Amino acid sequence: MNISKYSKDFWNTSVIFLPSLFEDQLIEETKSYLNCNETRIISTYRHDSRKLVLDIVNDKEFVKYFELPLSENFPLFGQYISSNVLQIVSAIMKEDIRLVSIEVHSRNPGGSHIPLHQDNAYYGLKKGNACTLFIPLSVSYFGNLKYIPNVPGVMHDHERSNAQAFSLQVSHSKRKSSFSGLKIIQDHTLGGAFLHHSHSLHFATNVPKNAERVWAVRMTFFGSKTDIKEGHLEWYNEVVSKNRDNARL
């Protein structure tokens, strides 16, 4: 893998696709486990709306986000945290990193959209030195994340979002003037992953009712030394307090 080229592209666009990081067998075992155990996971964790977010489609419940896959099945999900992956991400980020979270995401036929946003609007890190490895478990362009190129260091204003489980989105006033005509990045292959910077611009549209069910594993990393902007937590808590029907609490 040409780390130098991937790193250059990452720091020019905030997102790259890294191929062949995970074996097909691991991908298939993960999908099978999630499909077979989804009902039990919902039953076990439904009391915690922060750790488990549901999609309700035609009165049926589906996992949308699940934050405890390591507790659920460490032998399976722990395989995603390999030394090879950590070394690659650290080299591209150009600093030591630490794993902050590993989650399961799902996009369900008929499911809701993900608003255009930047992760650092949530994190509030001074330098934005954080990234996410987003691992699609299916090759599908209906539901998986879509990316708009953006140079790390460039943050856009965010406003309250009414999307399910999202409290923030890029301000509408910025969208047409800033992003029109830019190429959307979404091409991917099975076993690879998108690595996106916390300043990356990404979103997902509503999922068509006839689309394939899509699962993904998400790993979030912070640089070894991260500082939160002064006043960020107070600002974010105020946003959430005004948006409790939609915010992921």
C-alpha atoms as a PDB file:
ATOM      1  CA  MET A   1       0.000   0.000   0.000  1.00  0.00           C
ATOM      2  CA  ASN A   2       1.369   3.390  -1.039  1.00  0.00           C
ATOM      3  CA  ILE A   3       0.893   5.247   2.246  1.00  0.00           C
ATOM      4  CA  SER A   4       2.496   8.413   0.891  1.00  0.00           C
ATOM      5  CA  LYS A   5      -0.045   8.701  -1.947  1.00  0.00           C
ATOM      6  CA  TYR A   6      -3.003   7.865   0.277  1.00  0.00           C
ATOM      7  CA  SER A   7      -1.855  10.396   2.858  1.00  0.00           C
ATOM      8  CA  LYS A   8      -1.485  13.125   0.225  1.00  0.00           C
ATOM      9  CA  ASP A   9      -4.994  12.465  -1.103  1.00  0.00           C
ATOM     10  CA  PHE A  10      -6.393  12.369   2.442  1.00  0.00           C
ATOM     11  CA  TRP A  11      -4.947  15.765   3.309  1.00  0.00           C
ATOM     12  CA  ASN A  12      -6.265  17.241   0.051  1.00  0.00           C
ATOM     13  CA  THR A  13      -9.844  15.965   0.244  1.00  0.00           C
ATOM     14  CA  SER A  14     -10.466  14.771   3.837  1.00  0.00           C
ATOM     15  CA  VAL A  15     -11.416  11.288   2.612  1.00  0.00           C
ATOM     16  CA  ILE A  16      -9.832   8.286   0.893  1.00  0.00           C
ATOM     17  CA  PHE A  17     -10.876   4.713   0.213  1.00  0.00           C
ATOM     18  CA  LEU A  18      -8.416   2.087   1.461  1.00  0.00           C
ATOM     19  CA  PRO A  19      -8.893  -1.270  -0.306  1.00  0.00           C
ATOM     20  CA  SER A  20      -8.312  -4.789   0.998  1.00  0.00           C
ATOM     21  CA  LEU A  21      -8.047  -4.064   4.720  1.00  0.00           C
ATOM     22  CA  PHE A  22     -10.291  -6.923   5.877  1.00  0.00           C
ATOM     23  CA  GLU A  23     -10.818 -10.510   4.759  1.00  0.00           C
ATOM     24  CA  ASP A  24     -14.060 -11.411   2.993  1.00  0.00           C
ATOM     25  CA  GLN A  25     -14.690 -14.095   5.621  1.00  0.00           C
ATOM     26  CA  LEU A  26     -14.708 -11.522   8.425  1.00  0.00           C
ATOM     27  CA  ILE A  27     -17.121  -9.326   6.456  1.00  0.00           C
ATOM     28  CA  GLU A  28     -19.498 -12.221   5.827  1.00  0.00           C
ATOM     29  CA  GLU A  29     -19.317 -13.478   9.434  1.00  0.00           C
ATOM     30  CA  THR A  30     -20.121  -9.984  10.692  1.00  0.00           C
ATOM     31  CA  LYS A  31     -23.144  -9.572   8.426  1.00  0.00           C
ATOM     32  CA  SER A  32     -24.429 -13.021   9.329  1.00  0.00           C
ATOM     33  CA  TYR A  33     -24.018 -12.363  13.057  1.00  0.00           C
ATOM     34  CA  LEU A  34     -25.836  -9.030  12.864  1.00  0.00           C
ATOM     35  CA  ASN A  35     -28.694 -10.400  10.779  1.00  0.00           C
ATOM     36  CA  CYS A  36     -29.161 -13.375  13.131  1.00  0.00           C
ATOM     37  CA  ASN A  37     -28.873 -11.392  16.359  1.00  0.00           C
ATOM     38  CA  GLU A  38     -30.516  -8.068  15.533  1.00  0.00           C
ATOM     39  CA  THR A  39     -33.800  -8.854  17.317  1.00  0.00           C
ATOM     40  CA  ARG A  40     -31.964  -9.917  20.482  1.00  0.00           C
ATOM     41  CA  ILE A  41     -29.680  -6.860  20.376  1.00  0.00           C
ATOM     42  CA  ILE A  42     -32.722  -4.581  20.139  1.00  0.00           C
ATOM     43  CA  SER A  43     -34.396  -6.367  23.036  1.00  0.00           C
ATOM     44  CA  THR A  44     -31.265  -6.245  25.206  1.00  0.00           C
ATOM     45  CA  TYR A  45     -30.225  -2.625  24.657  1.00  0.00           C
ATOM     46  CA  ARG A  46     -33.460  -0.833  23.772  1.00  0.00           C
ATOM     47  CA  HIS A  47     -33.508   0.910  27.179  1.00  0.00           C
ATOM     48  CA  ASP A  48     -30.384   2.920  26.231  1.00  0.00           C
ATOM     49  CA  SER A  49     -31.248   5.333  23.422  1.00  0.00           C
ATOM     50  CA  ARG A  50     -27.694   6.653  23.381  1.00  0.00           C
ATOM     51  CA  LYS A  51     -26.046   3.289  22.745  1.00  0.00           C
ATOM     52  CA  LEU A  52     -28.763   1.929  20.449  1.00  0.00           C
ATOM     53  CA  VAL A  53     -30.656   4.034  17.905  1.00  0.00           C
ATOM     54  CA  LEU A  54     -33.493   2.415  15.979  1.00  0.00           C
ATOM     55  CA  ASP A  55     -35.019   2.963  12.561  1.00  0.00           C
ATOM     56  CA  ILE A  56     -38.784   2.422  12.475  1.00  0.00           C
ATOM     57  CA  VAL A  57     -39.950   1.358   9.010  1.00  0.00           C
ATOM     58  CA  ASN A  58     -43.549   0.204   8.490  1.00  0.00           C
ATOM     59  CA  ASP A  59     -43.910  -0.240  12.264  1.00  0.00           C
ATOM     60  CA  LYS A  60     -40.921  -2.609  12.336  1.00  0.00           C
ATOM     61  CA  GLU A  61     -37.776  -1.883  14.333  1.00  0.00           C
ATOM     62  CA  PHE A  62     -34.274  -2.069  12.851  1.00  0.00           C
ATOM     63  CA  VAL A  63     -30.862  -1.193  14.256  1.00  0.00           C
ATOM     64  CA  LYS A  64     -29.625   2.154  12.940  1.00  0.00           C
ATOM     65  CA  TYR A  65     -26.645   2.700  15.270  1.00  0.00           C
ATOM     66  CA  PHE A  66     -25.247   0.383  17.916  1.00  0.00           C
ATOM     67  CA  GLU A  67     -22.316   1.506  20.059  1.00  0.00           C
ATOM     68  CA  LEU A  68     -21.482  -1.687  21.961  1.00  0.00           C
ATOM     69  CA  PRO A  69     -20.372  -4.315  19.430  1.00  0.00           C
ATOM     70  CA  LEU A  70     -17.202  -5.063  21.414  1.00  0.00           C
ATOM     71  CA  SER A  71     -19.274  -5.866  24.500  1.00  0.00           C
ATOM     72  CA  GLU A  72     -21.677  -7.870  22.379  1.00  0.00           C
ATOM     73  CA  ASN A  73     -19.057 -10.051  20.655  1.00  0.00           C
ATOM     74  CA  PHE A  74     -15.420  -9.132  21.260  1.00  0.00           C
ATOM     75  CA  PRO A  75     -13.923 -12.166  19.433  1.00  0.00           C
ATOM     76  CA  LEU A  76     -15.717 -11.064  16.257  1.00  0.00           C
ATOM     77  CA  PHE A  77     -15.575  -7.275  16.340  1.00  0.00           C
ATOM     78  CA  GLY A  78     -12.161  -7.178  17.980  1.00  0.00           C
ATOM     79  CA  GLN A  79     -10.710  -8.507  14.713  1.00  0.00           C
ATOM     80  CA  TYR A  80     -11.293  -5.091  13.133  1.00  0.00           C
ATOM     81  CA  ILE A  81      -8.787  -3.535  15.558  1.00  0.00           C
ATOM     82  CA  SER A  82      -5.659  -5.031  14.025  1.00  0.00           C
ATOM     83  CA  SER A  83      -2.137  -3.658  14.361  1.00  0.00           C
ATOM     84  CA  ASN A  84      -2.025  -3.284  10.572  1.00  0.00           C
ATOM     85  CA  VAL A  85      -5.089  -1.046  10.548  1.00  0.00           C
ATOM     86  CA  LEU A  86      -3.815   1.048  13.452  1.00  0.00           C
ATOM     87  CA  GLN A  87      -0.430   1.529  11.780  1.00  0.00           C
ATOM     88  CA  ILE A  88      -1.992   2.571   8.472  1.00  0.00           C
ATOM     89  CA  VAL A  89      -4.374   5.068  10.075  1.00  0.00           C
ATOM     90  CA  SER A  90      -1.621   6.502  12.272  1.00  0.00           C
ATOM     91  CA  ALA A  91       0.716   6.910   9.291  1.00  0.00           C
ATOM     92  CA  ILE A  92      -1.931   8.711   7.233  1.00  0.00           C
ATOM     93  CA  MET A  93      -2.924  10.931  10.172  1.00  0.00           C
ATOM     94  CA  LYS A  94       0.781  11.675  10.764  1.00  0.00           C
ATOM     95  CA  GLU A  95       0.480  11.202  14.530  1.00  0.00           C
ATOM     96  CA  ASP A  96      -0.148   8.606  17.194  1.00  0.00           C
ATOM     97  CA  ILE A  97      -3.818   7.705  17.506  1.00  0.00           C
ATOM     98  CA  ARG A  98      -6.142   6.120  20.047  1.00  0.00           C
ATOM     99  CA  LEU A  99      -9.343   4.223  19.396  1.00  0.00           C
ATOM    100  CA  VAL A 100     -12.302   6.170  20.777  1.00  0.00           C
ATOM    101  CA  SER A 101     -15.192   3.976  19.675  1.00  0.00           C
ATOM    102  CA  ILE A 102     -16.288   1.142  17.432  1.00  0.00           C
ATOM    103  CA  GLU A 103     -19.909   1.059  16.306  1.00  0.00           C
ATOM    104  CA  VAL A 104     -22.263  -0.827  14.013  1.00  0.00           C
ATOM    105  CA  HIS A 105     -24.287   1.224  11.552  1.00  0.00           C
ATOM    106  CA  SER A 106     -27.159   0.064   9.387  1.00  0.00           C
ATOM    107  CA  ARG A 107     -29.066   1.637   6.531  1.00  0.00           C
ATOM    108  CA  ASN A 108     -32.478   0.086   6.116  1.00  0.00           C
ATOM    109  CA  PRO A 109     -34.813   0.028   3.081  1.00  0.00           C
ATOM    110  CA  GLY A 110     -37.185   2.940   3.572  1.00  0.00           C
ATOM    111  CA  GLY A 111     -34.903   4.350   6.273  1.00  0.00           C
ATOM    112  CA  SER A 112     -34.178   7.982   7.055  1.00  0.00           C
ATOM    113  CA  HIS A 113     -31.392  10.162   5.684  1.00  0.00           C
ATOM    114  CA  ILE A 114     -28.163  11.358   7.273  1.00  0.00           C
ATOM    115  CA  PRO A 115     -27.789  15.147   6.993  1.00  0.00           C
ATOM    116  CA  LEU A 116     -24.686  16.751   5.518  1.00  0.00           C
ATOM    117  CA  HIS A 117     -22.312  17.287   8.431  1.00  0.00           C
ATOM    118  CA  GLN A 118     -18.734  17.301   9.699  1.00  0.00           C
ATOM    119  CA  ASP A 119     -17.856  15.124  12.673  1.00  0.00           C
ATOM    120  CA  ASN A 120     -15.844  17.834  14.374  1.00  0.00           C
ATOM    121  CA  ALA A 121     -19.000  19.885  14.772  1.00  0.00           C
ATOM    122  CA  TYR A 122     -19.842  17.234  17.380  1.00  0.00           C
ATOM    123  CA  TYR A 123     -16.323  16.686  18.753  1.00  0.00           C
ATOM    124  CA  GLY A 124     -15.340  20.361  18.999  1.00  0.00           C
ATOM    125  CA  LEU A 125     -11.596  19.616  18.798  1.00  0.00           C
ATOM    126  CA  LYS A 126      -9.325  22.651  18.377  1.00  0.00           C
ATOM    127  CA  LYS A 127      -7.256  21.047  15.618  1.00  0.00           C
ATOM    128  CA  GLY A 128      -9.857  18.572  14.474  1.00  0.00           C
ATOM    129  CA  ASN A 129      -7.225  15.822  14.741  1.00  0.00           C
ATOM    130  CA  ALA A 130      -9.590  12.879  14.552  1.00  0.00           C
ATOM    131  CA  CYS A 131     -10.732  10.483  11.870  1.00  0.00           C
ATOM    132  CA  THR A 132     -13.157   7.679  11.184  1.00  0.00           C
ATOM    133  CA  LEU A 133     -12.697   4.377   9.402  1.00  0.00           C
ATOM    134  CA  PHE A 134     -16.054   3.511   7.840  1.00  0.00           C
ATOM    135  CA  ILE A 135     -16.222  -0.119   6.684  1.00  0.00           C
ATOM    136  CA  PRO A 136     -19.189  -1.004   4.424  1.00  0.00           C
ATOM    137  CA  LEU A 137     -20.183  -4.661   4.739  1.00  0.00           C
ATOM    138  CA  SER A 138     -21.956  -4.537   1.360  1.00  0.00           C
ATOM    139  CA  VAL A 139     -21.230  -2.815  -1.939  1.00  0.00           C
ATOM    140  CA  SER A 140     -24.231  -0.542  -2.307  1.00  0.00           C
ATOM    141  CA  TYR A 141     -24.731   3.048  -3.384  1.00  0.00           C
ATOM    142  CA  PHE A 142     -28.130   3.250  -1.701  1.00  0.00           C
ATOM    143  CA  GLY A 143     -27.532   4.083   1.921  1.00  0.00           C
ATOM    144  CA  ASN A 144     -23.775   4.110   2.347  1.00  0.00           C
ATOM    145  CA  LEU A 145     -22.076   7.412   3.074  1.00  0.00           C
ATOM    146  CA  LYS A 146     -21.350   9.888   0.303  1.00  0.00           C
ATOM    147  CA  TYR A 147     -18.495  12.376   0.593  1.00  0.00           C
ATOM    148  CA  ILE A 148     -17.913  15.899  -0.715  1.00  0.00           C
ATOM    149  CA  PRO A 149     -14.189  16.786  -0.986  1.00  0.00           C
ATOM    150  CA  ASN A 150     -13.072  19.276   1.658  1.00  0.00           C
ATOM    151  CA  VAL A 151      -9.589  20.320   2.764  1.00  0.00           C
ATOM    152  CA  PRO A 152      -8.824  19.462   6.419  1.00  0.00           C
ATOM    153  CA  GLY A 153      -8.842  22.649   8.427  1.00  0.00           C
ATOM    154  CA  VAL A 154     -11.964  23.999   6.735  1.00  0.00           C
ATOM    155  CA  MET A 155     -15.027  23.906   8.987  1.00  0.00           C
ATOM    156  CA  HIS A 156     -18.471  25.119   7.962  1.00  0.00           C
ATOM    157  CA  ASP A 157     -21.168  26.573  10.164  1.00  0.00           C
ATOM    158  CA  HIS A 158     -23.627  24.031  11.536  1.00  0.00           C
ATOM    159  CA  GLU A 159     -27.205  24.418  12.652  1.00  0.00           C
ATOM    160  CA  ARG A 160     -29.787  22.269  14.405  1.00  0.00           C
ATOM    161  CA  SER A 161     -30.931  19.221  12.441  1.00  0.00           C
ATOM    162  CA  ASN A 162     -34.337  17.553  12.465  1.00  0.00           C
ATOM    163  CA  ALA A 163     -32.958  14.273  11.102  1.00  0.00           C
ATOM    164  CA  GLN A 164     -33.432  11.239  13.318  1.00  0.00           C
ATOM    165  CA  ALA A 165     -30.449  10.725  15.680  1.00  0.00           C
ATOM    166  CA  PHE A 166     -28.610  13.797  14.367  1.00  0.00           C
ATOM    167  CA  SER A 167     -28.538  17.050  16.270  1.00  0.00           C
ATOM    168  CA  LEU A 168     -26.407  19.008  13.754  1.00  0.00           C
ATOM    169  CA  GLN A 169     -26.127  19.657  10.034  1.00  0.00           C
ATOM    170  CA  VAL A 170     -24.203  22.055   7.792  1.00  0.00           C
ATOM    171  CA  SER A 171     -26.102  25.325   7.622  1.00  0.00           C
ATOM    172  CA  HIS A 172     -28.398  25.505   4.585  1.00  0.00           C
ATOM    173  CA  SER A 173     -27.059  28.969   3.758  1.00  0.00           C
ATOM    174  CA  LYS A 174     -23.639  27.439   3.045  1.00  0.00           C
ATOM    175  CA  ARG A 175     -24.673  24.566   0.812  1.00  0.00           C
ATOM    176  CA  LYS A 176     -25.530  25.907  -2.642  1.00  0.00           C
ATOM    177  CA  SER A 177     -22.763  28.498  -2.670  1.00  0.00           C
ATOM    178  CA  SER A 178     -20.024  26.228  -1.307  1.00  0.00           C
ATOM    179  CA  PHE A 179     -20.647  22.730  -2.658  1.00  0.00           C
ATOM    180  CA  SER A 180     -22.393  22.988  -6.021  1.00  0.00           C
ATOM    181  CA  GLY A 181     -20.631  21.097  -8.795  1.00  0.00           C
ATOM    182  CA  LEU A 182     -18.225  19.209  -6.542  1.00  0.00           C
ATOM    183  CA  LYS A 183     -17.731  15.508  -7.273  1.00  0.00           C
ATOM    184  CA  ILE A 184     -19.306  13.169  -4.740  1.00  0.00           C
ATOM    185  CA  ILE A 185     -17.031  10.317  -3.632  1.00  0.00           C
ATOM    186  CA  GLN A 186     -18.754   6.998  -2.979  1.00  0.00           C
ATOM    187  CA  ASP A 187     -16.985   4.263  -4.984  1.00  0.00           C
ATOM    188  CA  HIS A 188     -15.896   1.316  -2.867  1.00  0.00           C
ATOM    189  CA  THR A 189     -15.181  -2.416  -2.910  1.00  0.00           C
ATOM    190  CA  LEU A 190     -15.861  -5.124  -0.339  1.00  0.00           C
ATOM    191  CA  GLY A 191     -13.169  -5.506   2.312  1.00  0.00           C
ATOM    192  CA  GLY A 192     -12.013  -1.907   2.089  1.00  0.00           C
ATOM    193  CA  ALA A 193     -12.932   1.175   4.095  1.00  0.00           C
ATOM    194  CA  PHE A 194     -13.354   4.915   3.800  1.00  0.00           C
ATOM    195  CA  LEU A 195     -11.026   6.894   6.039  1.00  0.00           C
ATOM    196  CA  HIS A 196     -12.424  10.352   6.632  1.00  0.00           C
ATOM    197  CA  HIS A 197     -11.075  13.302   8.599  1.00  0.00           C
ATOM    198  CA  SER A 198     -13.232  14.975  11.232  1.00  0.00           C
ATOM    199  CA  HIS A 199     -13.518  17.915   8.786  1.00  0.00           C
ATOM    200  CA  SER A 200     -14.876  15.639   6.044  1.00  0.00           C
ATOM    201  CA  LEU A 201     -18.245  16.569   4.573  1.00  0.00           C
ATOM    202  CA  HIS A 202     -20.491  13.528   4.301  1.00  0.00           C
ATOM    203  CA  PHE A 203     -24.149  12.542   4.150  1.00  0.00           C
ATOM    204  CA  ALA A 204     -26.537   9.794   3.040  1.00  0.00           C
ATOM    205  CA  THR A 205     -29.878  10.124   1.301  1.00  0.00           C
ATOM    206  CA  ASN A 206     -33.134   8.428   2.228  1.00  0.00           C
ATOM    207  CA  VAL A 207     -32.929   4.721   1.425  1.00  0.00           C
ATOM    208  CA  PRO A 208     -35.306   3.500  -1.324  1.00  0.00           C
ATOM    209  CA  LYS A 209     -37.785   0.901  -0.147  1.00  0.00           C
ATOM    210  CA  ASN A 210     -36.470  -1.614  -2.681  1.00  0.00           C
ATOM    211  CA  ALA A 211     -32.799  -1.111  -1.748  1.00  0.00           C
ATOM    212  CA  GLU A 212     -30.550  -3.720  -0.175  1.00  0.00           C
ATOM    213  CA  ARG A 213     -30.044  -3.704   3.587  1.00  0.00           C
ATOM    214  CA  VAL A 214     -26.632  -2.196   4.348  1.00  0.00           C
ATOM    215  CA  TRP A 215     -24.492  -2.822   7.428  1.00  0.00           C
ATOM    216  CA  ALA A 216     -21.230  -1.058   8.266  1.00  0.00           C
ATOM    217  CA  VAL A 217     -18.633  -1.012  11.038  1.00  0.00           C
ATOM    218  CA  ARG A 218     -17.361   2.392  12.118  1.00  0.00           C
ATOM    219  CA  MET A 219     -14.138   2.976  14.065  1.00  0.00           C
ATOM    220  CA  THR A 220     -13.306   6.442  15.384  1.00  0.00           C
ATOM    221  CA  PHE A 221      -9.787   7.562  16.271  1.00  0.00           C
ATOM    222  CA  PHE A 222      -8.503  10.691  17.989  1.00  0.00           C
ATOM    223  CA  GLY A 223      -4.956  11.962  17.825  1.00  0.00           C
ATOM    224  CA  SER A 224      -2.970  11.257  20.969  1.00  0.00           C
ATOM    225  CA  LYS A 225      -3.252  14.898  22.059  1.00  0.00           C
ATOM    226  CA  THR A 226      -6.673  16.462  21.544  1.00  0.00           C
ATOM    227  CA  ASP A 227      -8.118  19.587  23.135  1.00  0.00           C
ATOM    228  CA  ILE A 228     -11.763  20.645  23.031  1.00  0.00           C
ATOM    229  CA  LYS A 229     -12.559  24.223  22.064  1.00  0.00           C
ATOM    230  CA  GLU A 230     -13.527  26.480  24.933  1.00  0.00           C
ATOM    231  CA  GLY A 231     -17.309  26.713  25.199  1.00  0.00           C
ATOM    232  CA  HIS A 232     -18.010  23.837  22.802  1.00  0.00           C
ATOM    233  CA  LEU A 233     -19.657  21.533  25.330  1.00  0.00           C
ATOM    234  CA  GLU A 234     -21.943  24.299  26.580  1.00  0.00           C
ATOM    235  CA  TRP A 235     -22.911  25.196  22.995  1.00  0.00           C
ATOM    236  CA  TYR A 236     -23.549  21.571  22.039  1.00  0.00           C
ATOM    237  CA  ASN A 237     -25.592  20.846  25.172  1.00  0.00           C
ATOM    238  CA  GLU A 238     -27.745  23.883  24.369  1.00  0.00           C
ATOM    239  CA  VAL A 239     -28.334  22.588  20.820  1.00  0.00           C
ATOM    240  CA  VAL A 240     -29.293  19.148  22.139  1.00  0.00           C
ATOM    241  CA  SER A 241     -31.599  20.589  24.795  1.00  0.00           C
ATOM    242  CA  LYS A 242     -33.563  22.328  22.034  1.00  0.00           C
ATOM    243  CA  ASN A 243     -33.670  19.236  19.858  1.00  0.00           C
ATOM    244  CA  ARG A 244     -34.374  16.285  22.130  1.00  0.00           C
ATOM    245  CA  ASP A 245     -36.886  14.719  19.754  1.00  0.00           C
ATOM    246  CA  ASN A 246     -34.132  14.127  17.190  1.00  0.00           C
ATOM    247  CA  ALA A 247     -30.768  14.309  18.953  1.00  0.00           C
ATOM    248  CA  ARG A 248     -28.860  11.148  19.743  1.00  0.00           C
ATOM    249  CA  LEU A 249     -28.658  11.424  23.524  1.00  0.00           C
END
